[in-house]
All heavy atoms as atom14 arrays in JSON, in Angstrom:
{
  "sequence": "LNVTPAAVSSQIHSLEELLGVSLFLRSGRKVTLTDA",
  "atom14_mask": [
    [1, 1, 1, 1, 1, 1, 1, 1, 0, 0, 0, 0, 0, 0],
    [1, 1, 1, 1, 1, 1, 1, 1, 0, 0, 0, 0, 0, 0],
    [1, 1, 1, 1, 1, 1, 1, 0, 0, 0, 0, 0, 0, 0],
    [1, 1, 1, 1, 1, 1, 1, 0, 0, 0, 0, 0, 0, 0],
    [1, 1, 1, 1, 1, 1, 1, 0, 0, 0, 0, 0, 0, 0],
    [1, 1, 1, 1, 1, 0, 0, 0, 0, 0, 0, 0, 0, 0],
    [1, 1, 1, 1, 1, 0, 0, 0, 0, 0, 0, 0, 0, 0],
    [1, 1, 1, 1, 1, 1, 1, 0, 0, 0, 0, 0, 0, 0],
    [1, 1, 1, 1, 1, 1, 0, 0, 0, 0, 0, 0, 0, 0],
    [1, 1, 1, 1, 1, 1, 0, 0, 0, 0, 0, 0, 0, 0],
    [1, 1, 1, 1, 1, 1, 1, 1, 1, 0, 0, 0, 0, 0],
    [1, 1, 1, 1, 1, 1, 1, 1, 0, 0, 0, 0, 0, 0],
    [1, 1, 1, 1, 1, 1, 1, 1, 1, 1, 0, 0, 0, 0],
    [1, 1, 1, 1, 1, 1, 0, 0, 0, 0, 0, 0, 0, 0],
    [1, 1, 1, 1, 1, 1, 1, 1, 0, 0, 0, 0, 0, 0],
    [1, 1, 1, 1, 1, 1, 1, 1, 1, 0, 0, 0, 0, 0],
    [1, 1, 1, 1, 1, 1, 1, 1, 1, 0, 0, 0, 0, 0],
    [1, 1, 1, 1, 1, 1, 1, 1, 0, 0, 0, 0, 0, 0],
    [1, 1, 1, 1, 1, 1, 1, 1, 0, 0, 0, 0, 0, 0],
    [1, 1, 1, 1, 0, 0, 0, 0, 0, 0, 0, 0, 0, 0],
    [1, 1, 1, 1, 1, 1, 1, 0, 0, 0, 0, 0, 0, 0],
    [1, 1, 1, 1, 1, 1, 0, 0, 0, 0, 0, 0, 0, 0],
    [1, 1, 1, 1, 1, 1, 1, 1, 0, 0, 0, 0, 0, 0],
    [1, 1, 1, 1, 1, 1, 1, 1, 1, 1, 1, 0, 0, 0],
    [1, 1, 1, 1, 1, 1, 1, 1, 0, 0, 0, 0, 0, 0],
    [1, 1, 1, 1, 1, 1, 1, 1, 1, 1, 1, 0, 0, 0],
    [1, 1, 1, 1, 1, 1, 0, 0, 0, 0, 0, 0, 0, 0],
    [1, 1, 1, 1, 0, 0, 0, 0, 0, 0, 0, 0, 0, 0],
    [1, 1, 1, 1, 1, 1, 1, 1, 1, 1, 1, 0, 0, 0],
    [1, 1, 1, 1, 1, 1, 1, 1, 1, 0, 0, 0, 0, 0],
    [1, 1, 1, 1, 1, 1, 1, 0, 0, 0, 0, 0, 0, 0],
    [1, 1, 1, 1, 1, 1, 1, 0, 0, 0, 0, 0, 0, 0],
    [1, 1, 1, 1, 1, 1, 1, 1, 0, 0, 0, 0, 0, 0],
    [1, 1, 1, 1, 1, 1, 1, 0, 0, 0, 0, 0, 0, 0],
    [1, 1, 1, 1, 1, 1, 1, 1, 0, 0, 0, 0, 0, 0],
    [1, 1, 1, 1, 1, 0, 0, 0, 0, 0, 0, 0, 0, 0]
  ],
  "atom14_positions": [
    [[103.66, 106.1, 105.59], [104.45, 104.91, 105.94], [103.57, 103.7, 106.24], [104.1, 102.61, 106.48], [105.33, 105.22, 107.16], [106.4, 106.29, 106.97], [107.07, 106.61, 108.3], [107.44, 105.83, 105.95], [0.0, 0.0, 0.0], [0.0, 0.0, 0.0], [0.0, 0.0, 0.0], [0.0, 0.0, 0.0], [0.0, 0.0, 0.0], [0.0, 0.0, 0.0]],
    [[102.26, 103.93, 106.28], [101.31, 102.86, 106.58], [101.54, 102.29, 107.99], [101.54, 101.08, 108.2], [101.38, 101.75, 105.54], [100.17, 100.84, 105.56], [99.08, 101.27, 105.95], [100.36, 99.59, 105.19], [0.0, 0.0, 0.0], [0.0, 0.0, 0.0], [0.0, 0.0, 0.0], [0.0, 0.0, 0.0], [0.0, 0.0, 0.0], [0.0, 0.0, 0.0]],
    [[101.78, 103.19, 108.94], [101.93, 102.81, 110.34], [101.03, 103.74, 111.17], [100.44, 104.69, 110.66], [103.4, 102.92, 110.82], [104.29, 101.96, 110.04], [103.91, 104.36, 110.67], [0.0, 0.0, 0.0], [0.0, 0.0, 0.0], [0.0, 0.0, 0.0], [0.0, 0.0, 0.0], [0.0, 0.0, 0.0], [0.0, 0.0, 0.0], [0.0, 0.0, 0.0]],
    [[100.97, 103.49, 112.47], [100.14, 104.32, 113.34], [100.87, 105.6, 113.73], [102.11, 105.63, 113.77], [99.76, 103.54, 114.61], [100.95, 103.29, 115.36], [99.09, 102.23, 114.26], [0.0, 0.0, 0.0], [0.0, 0.0, 0.0], [0.0, 0.0, 0.0], [0.0, 0.0, 0.0], [0.0, 0.0, 0.0], [0.0, 0.0, 0.0], [0.0, 0.0, 0.0]],
    [[100.13, 106.68, 114.05], [100.77, 107.9, 114.54], [101.6, 107.65, 115.8], [102.63, 108.28, 116.0], [99.58, 108.83, 114.82], [98.53, 108.38, 113.87], [98.68, 106.88, 113.81], [0.0, 0.0, 0.0], [0.0, 0.0, 0.0], [0.0, 0.0, 0.0], [0.0, 0.0, 0.0], [0.0, 0.0, 0.0], [0.0, 0.0, 0.0], [0.0, 0.0, 0.0]],
    [[101.15, 106.71, 116.64], [101.91, 106.39, 117.85], [103.27, 105.82, 117.51], [104.28, 106.13, 118.16], [101.12, 105.41, 118.71], [0.0, 0.0, 0.0], [0.0, 0.0, 0.0], [0.0, 0.0, 0.0], [0.0, 0.0, 0.0], [0.0, 0.0, 0.0], [0.0, 0.0, 0.0], [0.0, 0.0, 0.0], [0.0, 0.0, 0.0], [0.0, 0.0, 0.0]],
    [[103.32, 104.98, 116.48], [104.61, 104.39, 116.06], [105.53, 105.48, 115.52], [106.74, 105.46, 115.76], [104.36, 103.33, 115.0], [0.0, 0.0, 0.0], [0.0, 0.0, 0.0], [0.0, 0.0, 0.0], [0.0, 0.0, 0.0], [0.0, 0.0, 0.0], [0.0, 0.0, 0.0], [0.0, 0.0, 0.0], [0.0, 0.0, 0.0], [0.0, 0.0, 0.0]],
    [[104.95, 106.44, 114.78], [105.74, 107.55, 114.27], [106.31, 108.37, 115.42], [107.5, 108.72, 115.44], [104.89, 108.44, 113.33], [105.59, 109.77, 113.07], [104.63, 107.72, 112.02], [0.0, 0.0, 0.0], [0.0, 0.0, 0.0], [0.0, 0.0, 0.0], [0.0, 0.0, 0.0], [0.0, 0.0, 0.0], [0.0, 0.0, 0.0], [0.0, 0.0, 0.0]],
    [[105.49, 108.7, 116.38], [105.95, 109.48, 117.54], [107.06, 108.76, 118.27], [108.04, 109.38, 118.71], [104.77, 109.74, 118.49], [103.81, 110.57, 117.89], [0.0, 0.0, 0.0], [0.0, 0.0, 0.0], [0.0, 0.0, 0.0], [0.0, 0.0, 0.0], [0.0, 0.0, 0.0], [0.0, 0.0, 0.0], [0.0, 0.0, 0.0], [0.0, 0.0, 0.0]],
    [[106.93, 107.44, 118.43], [107.96, 106.66, 119.12], [109.28, 106.72, 118.37], [110.35, 106.88, 118.97], [107.48, 105.22, 119.27], [108.49, 104.42, 119.85], [0.0, 0.0, 0.0], [0.0, 0.0, 0.0], [0.0, 0.0, 0.0], [0.0, 0.0, 0.0], [0.0, 0.0, 0.0], [0.0, 0.0, 0.0], [0.0, 0.0, 0.0], [0.0, 0.0, 0.0]],
    [[109.24, 106.58, 117.03], [110.47, 106.62, 116.23], [111.14, 108.0, 116.31], [112.36, 108.09, 116.44], [110.15, 106.27, 114.77], [109.81, 104.82, 114.53], [111.01, 103.9, 114.62], [112.16, 104.36, 114.62], [110.76, 102.61, 114.72], [0.0, 0.0, 0.0], [0.0, 0.0, 0.0], [0.0, 0.0, 0.0], [0.0, 0.0, 0.0], [0.0, 0.0, 0.0]],
    [[110.35, 109.07, 116.22], [110.91, 110.42, 116.29], [111.51, 110.67, 117.67], [112.6, 111.25, 117.8], [109.84, 111.48, 115.97], [109.35, 111.32, 114.53], [110.38, 112.89, 116.2], [110.42, 111.47, 113.47], [0.0, 0.0, 0.0], [0.0, 0.0, 0.0], [0.0, 0.0, 0.0], [0.0, 0.0, 0.0], [0.0, 0.0, 0.0], [0.0, 0.0, 0.0]],
    [[110.82, 110.22, 118.69], [111.33, 110.4, 120.06], [112.66, 109.69, 120.24], [113.61, 110.26, 120.81], [110.3, 109.87, 121.06], [110.74, 110.0, 122.49], [110.87, 111.22, 123.13], [111.12, 109.05, 123.4], [111.29, 111.03, 124.37], [111.45, 109.71, 124.55], [0.0, 0.0, 0.0], [0.0, 0.0, 0.0], [0.0, 0.0, 0.0], [0.0, 0.0, 0.0]],
    [[112.76, 108.46, 119.73], [114.02, 107.71, 119.87], [115.14, 108.37, 119.09], [116.29, 108.4, 119.53], [113.83, 106.26, 119.41], [113.57, 106.19, 118.02], [0.0, 0.0, 0.0], [0.0, 0.0, 0.0], [0.0, 0.0, 0.0], [0.0, 0.0, 0.0], [0.0, 0.0, 0.0], [0.0, 0.0, 0.0], [0.0, 0.0, 0.0], [0.0, 0.0, 0.0]],
    [[114.81, 108.94, 117.92], [115.84, 109.61, 117.11], [116.31, 110.88, 117.81], [117.52, 111.18, 117.84], [115.28, 109.93, 115.72], [116.24, 110.6, 114.73], [117.45, 109.72, 114.46], [115.52, 110.92, 113.41], [0.0, 0.0, 0.0], [0.0, 0.0, 0.0], [0.0, 0.0, 0.0], [0.0, 0.0, 0.0], [0.0, 0.0, 0.0], [0.0, 0.0, 0.0]],
    [[115.39, 111.65, 118.37], [115.76, 112.88, 119.09], [116.63, 112.55, 120.31], [117.59, 113.26, 120.61], [114.51, 113.64, 119.5], [113.77, 114.29, 118.31], [112.49, 114.98, 118.71], [111.83, 114.53, 119.68], [112.13, 115.98, 118.04], [0.0, 0.0, 0.0], [0.0, 0.0, 0.0], [0.0, 0.0, 0.0], [0.0, 0.0, 0.0], [0.0, 0.0, 0.0]],
    [[116.3, 111.48, 121.01], [117.11, 111.07, 122.16], [118.51, 110.65, 121.71], [119.51, 110.97, 122.36], [116.44, 109.9, 122.9], [115.3, 110.32, 123.82], [114.98, 109.23, 124.82], [115.32, 108.05, 124.55], [114.42, 109.56, 125.88], [0.0, 0.0, 0.0], [0.0, 0.0, 0.0], [0.0, 0.0, 0.0], [0.0, 0.0, 0.0], [0.0, 0.0, 0.0]],
    [[118.58, 109.95, 120.6], [119.87, 109.49, 120.08], [120.75, 110.67, 119.68], [121.96, 110.72, 119.97], [119.66, 108.56, 118.88], [120.91, 108.03, 118.17], [121.7, 107.11, 119.09], [120.54, 107.31, 116.89], [0.0, 0.0, 0.0], [0.0, 0.0, 0.0], [0.0, 0.0, 0.0], [0.0, 0.0, 0.0], [0.0, 0.0, 0.0], [0.0, 0.0, 0.0]],
    [[120.14, 111.67, 119.0], [120.9, 112.83, 118.52], [121.1, 113.89, 119.6], [121.98, 114.76, 119.48], [120.19, 113.45, 117.32], [120.03, 112.54, 116.08], [119.21, 113.24, 115.01], [121.4, 112.16, 115.53], [0.0, 0.0, 0.0], [0.0, 0.0, 0.0], [0.0, 0.0, 0.0], [0.0, 0.0, 0.0], [0.0, 0.0, 0.0], [0.0, 0.0, 0.0]],
    [[120.27, 113.85, 120.62], [120.38, 114.84, 121.69], [119.86, 116.2, 121.3], [120.28, 117.22, 121.88], [0.0, 0.0, 0.0], [0.0, 0.0, 0.0], [0.0, 0.0, 0.0], [0.0, 0.0, 0.0], [0.0, 0.0, 0.0], [0.0, 0.0, 0.0], [0.0, 0.0, 0.0], [0.0, 0.0, 0.0], [0.0, 0.0, 0.0], [0.0, 0.0, 0.0]],
    [[118.97, 116.25, 120.34], [118.39, 117.53, 119.89], [116.91, 117.32, 119.59], [116.46, 116.19, 119.35], [119.08, 118.08, 118.62], [120.54, 118.42, 118.9], [118.98, 117.08, 117.46], [0.0, 0.0, 0.0], [0.0, 0.0, 0.0], [0.0, 0.0, 0.0], [0.0, 0.0, 0.0], [0.0, 0.0, 0.0], [0.0, 0.0, 0.0], [0.0, 0.0, 0.0]],
    [[116.17, 118.41, 119.59], [114.78, 118.36, 119.13], [114.74, 118.61, 117.63], [115.45, 119.48, 117.12], [113.94, 119.42, 119.86], [113.85, 119.13, 121.23], [0.0, 0.0, 0.0], [0.0, 0.0, 0.0], [0.0, 0.0, 0.0], [0.0, 0.0, 0.0], [0.0, 0.0, 0.0], [0.0, 0.0, 0.0], [0.0, 0.0, 0.0], [0.0, 0.0, 0.0]],
    [[113.94, 117.84, 116.93], [113.85, 117.96, 115.48], [112.6, 118.69, 115.02], [112.57, 119.24, 113.9], [113.89, 116.55, 114.84], [115.17, 115.75, 115.12], [115.02, 114.32, 114.61], [116.38, 116.41, 114.47], [0.0, 0.0, 0.0], [0.0, 0.0, 0.0], [0.0, 0.0, 0.0], [0.0, 0.0, 0.0], [0.0, 0.0, 0.0], [0.0, 0.0, 0.0]],
    [[111.58, 118.71, 115.85], [110.32, 119.35, 115.48], [109.83, 120.25, 116.62], [110.04, 119.96, 117.8], [109.25, 118.3, 115.19], [109.54, 117.44, 113.99], [110.06, 116.16, 114.16], [109.3, 117.9, 112.72], [110.33, 115.37, 113.07], [109.56, 117.11, 111.61], [110.08, 115.84, 111.79], [0.0, 0.0, 0.0], [0.0, 0.0, 0.0], [0.0, 0.0, 0.0]],
    [[109.18, 121.31, 116.22], [108.43, 122.15, 117.15], [106.96, 121.83, 116.96], [106.43, 121.88, 115.84], [108.68, 123.64, 116.88], [110.12, 124.14, 117.12], [110.25, 125.58, 116.66], [110.48, 124.01, 118.59], [0.0, 0.0, 0.0], [0.0, 0.0, 0.0], [0.0, 0.0, 0.0], [0.0, 0.0, 0.0], [0.0, 0.0, 0.0], [0.0, 0.0, 0.0]],
    [[106.27, 121.47, 118.04], [104.88, 121.07, 117.95], [104.02, 122.14, 118.63], [104.26, 122.51, 119.78], [104.68, 119.72, 118.62], [105.58, 118.6, 118.05], [105.64, 117.42, 119.01], [106.45, 116.32, 118.52], [107.76, 116.25, 118.66], [108.41, 117.24, 119.26], [108.43, 115.21, 118.2], [0.0, 0.0, 0.0], [0.0, 0.0, 0.0], [0.0, 0.0, 0.0]],
    [[103.03, 122.6, 117.9], [102.07, 123.56, 118.45], [100.69, 123.1, 118.03], [100.22, 123.39, 116.92], [102.35, 124.97, 117.94], [101.38, 125.88, 118.42], [0.0, 0.0, 0.0], [0.0, 0.0, 0.0], [0.0, 0.0, 0.0], [0.0, 0.0, 0.0], [0.0, 0.0, 0.0], [0.0, 0.0, 0.0], [0.0, 0.0, 0.0], [0.0, 0.0, 0.0]],
    [[100.04, 122.32, 118.91], [98.78, 121.69, 118.54], [99.05, 120.68, 117.44], [99.9, 119.81, 117.56], [0.0, 0.0, 0.0], [0.0, 0.0, 0.0], [0.0, 0.0, 0.0], [0.0, 0.0, 0.0], [0.0, 0.0, 0.0], [0.0, 0.0, 0.0], [0.0, 0.0, 0.0], [0.0, 0.0, 0.0], [0.0, 0.0, 0.0], [0.0, 0.0, 0.0]],
    [[98.29, 120.83, 116.34], [98.52, 119.94, 115.2], [99.58, 120.47, 114.24], [99.97, 119.78, 113.3], [97.22, 119.73, 114.44], [96.17, 118.96, 115.22], [94.99, 118.62, 114.34], [94.02, 117.79, 115.04], [92.91, 117.29, 114.47], [92.66, 117.58, 113.18], [92.07, 116.56, 115.17], [0.0, 0.0, 0.0], [0.0, 0.0, 0.0], [0.0, 0.0, 0.0]],
    [[100.0, 121.69, 114.48], [100.99, 122.3, 113.6], [102.39, 121.79, 113.97], [102.76, 121.76, 115.14], [100.93, 123.82, 113.71], [101.85, 124.53, 112.73], [101.7, 126.05, 112.85], [102.63, 126.76, 111.88], [102.53, 128.24, 112.0], [0.0, 0.0, 0.0], [0.0, 0.0, 0.0], [0.0, 0.0, 0.0], [0.0, 0.0, 0.0], [0.0, 0.0, 0.0]],
    [[103.17, 121.42, 112.95], [104.53, 120.9, 113.15], [105.48, 121.68, 112.26], [105.21, 121.87, 111.06], [104.61, 119.39, 112.8], [106.04, 118.89, 112.93], [103.69, 118.59, 113.7], [0.0, 0.0, 0.0], [0.0, 0.0, 0.0], [0.0, 0.0, 0.0], [0.0, 0.0, 0.0], [0.0, 0.0, 0.0], [0.0, 0.0, 0.0], [0.0, 0.0, 0.0]],
    [[106.57, 122.15, 112.84], [107.63, 122.81, 112.06], [108.96, 122.21, 112.45], [109.12, 121.61, 113.52], [107.65, 124.33, 112.32], [107.84, 124.55, 113.73], [106.35, 124.97, 111.84], [0.0, 0.0, 0.0], [0.0, 0.0, 0.0], [0.0, 0.0, 0.0], [0.0, 0.0, 0.0], [0.0, 0.0, 0.0], [0.0, 0.0, 0.0], [0.0, 0.0, 0.0]],
    [[109.91, 122.36, 111.55], [111.26, 121.85, 111.81], [112.05, 122.82, 112.67], [111.98, 124.04, 112.48], [112.0, 121.62, 110.49], [111.6, 120.41, 109.66], [112.15, 120.53, 108.26], [112.09, 119.12, 110.32], [0.0, 0.0, 0.0], [0.0, 0.0, 0.0], [0.0, 0.0, 0.0], [0.0, 0.0, 0.0], [0.0, 0.0, 0.0], [0.0, 0.0, 0.0]],
    [[112.83, 122.27, 113.6], [113.8, 123.09, 114.32], [114.99, 123.33, 113.42], [115.1, 122.77, 112.32], [114.25, 122.36, 115.59], [114.95, 121.16, 115.21], [113.08, 122.01, 116.49], [0.0, 0.0, 0.0], [0.0, 0.0, 0.0], [0.0, 0.0, 0.0], [0.0, 0.0, 0.0], [0.0, 0.0, 0.0], [0.0, 0.0, 0.0], [0.0, 0.0, 0.0]],
    [[115.92, 124.16, 113.86], [117.15, 124.37, 113.09], [117.89, 123.06, 112.89], [118.45, 122.8, 111.82], [118.04, 125.4, 113.79], [117.48, 126.81, 113.72], [116.59, 127.05, 112.86], [117.92, 127.67, 114.52], [0.0, 0.0, 0.0], [0.0, 0.0, 0.0], [0.0, 0.0, 0.0], [0.0, 0.0, 0.0], [0.0, 0.0, 0.0], [0.0, 0.0, 0.0]],
    [[117.9, 122.23, 113.95], [118.57, 120.93, 113.84], [117.86, 120.06, 112.81], [118.5, 119.35, 112.01], [118.59, 120.24, 115.21], [0.0, 0.0, 0.0], [0.0, 0.0, 0.0], [0.0, 0.0, 0.0], [0.0, 0.0, 0.0], [0.0, 0.0, 0.0], [0.0, 0.0, 0.0], [0.0, 0.0, 0.0], [0.0, 0.0, 0.0], [0.0, 0.0, 0.0]]
  ]
}
């Protein structure tokens, strides 16, 4: 997206708050999708 990782984290956080669900499981640098 040609943006910073911090900007990406902020957008994902706002989307998860809006939907009321977690979208990713984070384990260190590893990222997987939740069922949602």
